[in-house]
Amino acid sequence: MTSGESRRVGAPGRQRGFGYLMVLFAIAAMGITLAGAGEVWRTAALREKEAQLLFVGHQFRLALA
């Protein structure tokens, strides 16, 4: 080894950026999962609001009868 060369400890040069790539894939997977969970939550919230509106409508119907 000459004085201008440095010895790398760990992975060879061709594997540089592998960890960064895995972090990017992990973030993308989390984003897809959170988008799916948000859609489920939105649907559940809409169904709850619809059920509440149906209940109020039924109460109005009973009050007018």
Protein backbone atom coordinates (compact mmCIF):
# COMPACT_ATOMS: atom_id res chain seq x y z
CA MET A 1 0.00 0.00 0.00
CA THR A 2 1.40 3.40 -0.96
CA SER A 3 1.02 6.57 1.04
CA GLY A 4 -1.68 7.92 -1.34
CA GLU A 5 -3.95 4.89 -1.00
CA SER A 6 -6.32 4.44 1.87
CA ARG A 7 -7.57 1.10 3.02
CA ARG A 8 -11.35 0.77 3.26
CA VAL A 9 -12.76 -1.27 6.06
CA GLY A 10 -16.04 -2.99 5.27
CA ALA A 11 -17.80 -3.37 1.95
CA PRO A 12 -16.03 -3.15 -1.41
CA GLY A 13 -16.54 -0.08 -3.59
CA ARG A 14 -19.19 -1.66 -5.78
CA GLN A 15 -21.55 -1.96 -2.80
CA ARG A 16 -21.54 1.73 -1.94
CA GLY A 17 -25.02 3.19 -1.65
CA PHE A 18 -26.69 -0.15 -0.94
CA GLY A 19 -27.84 0.99 2.51
CA TYR A 20 -29.14 4.25 1.08
CA LEU A 21 -31.09 2.34 -1.56
CA MET A 22 -32.62 0.06 1.08
CA VAL A 23 -33.69 3.11 3.14
CA LEU A 24 -35.35 4.61 0.05
CA PHE A 25 -37.24 1.37 -0.59
CA ALA A 26 -38.30 1.21 3.07
CA ILE A 27 -39.62 4.79 2.93
CA ALA A 28 -41.51 4.03 -0.29
CA ALA A 29 -43.06 0.91 1.27
CA MET A 30 -44.10 2.87 4.35
CA GLY A 31 -45.67 5.54 2.15
CA ILE A 32 -47.70 2.96 0.23
CA THR A 33 -48.82 1.33 3.48
CA LEU A 34 -49.83 4.66 5.02
CA ALA A 35 -51.74 5.62 1.87
CA GLY A 36 -53.72 2.38 2.09
CA ALA A 37 -54.40 2.90 5.79
CA GLY A 38 -55.55 6.46 5.10
CA GLU A 39 -58.01 5.23 2.50
CA VAL A 40 -59.46 2.67 4.93
CA TRP A 41 -59.74 5.33 7.65
CA ARG A 42 -61.47 7.73 5.24
CA THR A 43 -64.01 5.08 4.20
CA ALA A 44 -64.76 4.23 7.84
CA ALA A 45 -65.26 7.91 8.67
CA LEU A 46 -67.66 8.36 5.74
CA ARG A 47 -69.69 5.31 6.79
CA GLU A 48 -69.92 6.63 10.35
CA LYS A 49 -71.16 10.02 9.12
CA GLU A 50 -73.71 8.33 6.87
CA ALA A 51 -75.00 6.21 9.77
CA GLN A 52 -75.34 9.33 11.91
CA LEU A 53 -77.29 11.14 9.17
CA LEU A 54 -79.62 8.16 8.76
CA PHE A 55 -80.23 8.11 12.53
CA VAL A 56 -81.03 11.85 12.59
CA GLY A 57 -83.36 11.45 9.61
CA HIS A 58 -85.17 8.63 11.35
CA GLN A 59 -85.55 10.77 14.49
CA PHE A 60 -87.04 13.60 12.43
CA ARG A 61 -89.45 11.14 10.82
CA LEU A 62 -90.56 9.91 14.25
CA ALA A 63 -90.93 13.47 15.57
CA LEU A 64 -93.12 14.52 12.62
CA ALA A 65 -95.29 11.40 12.85
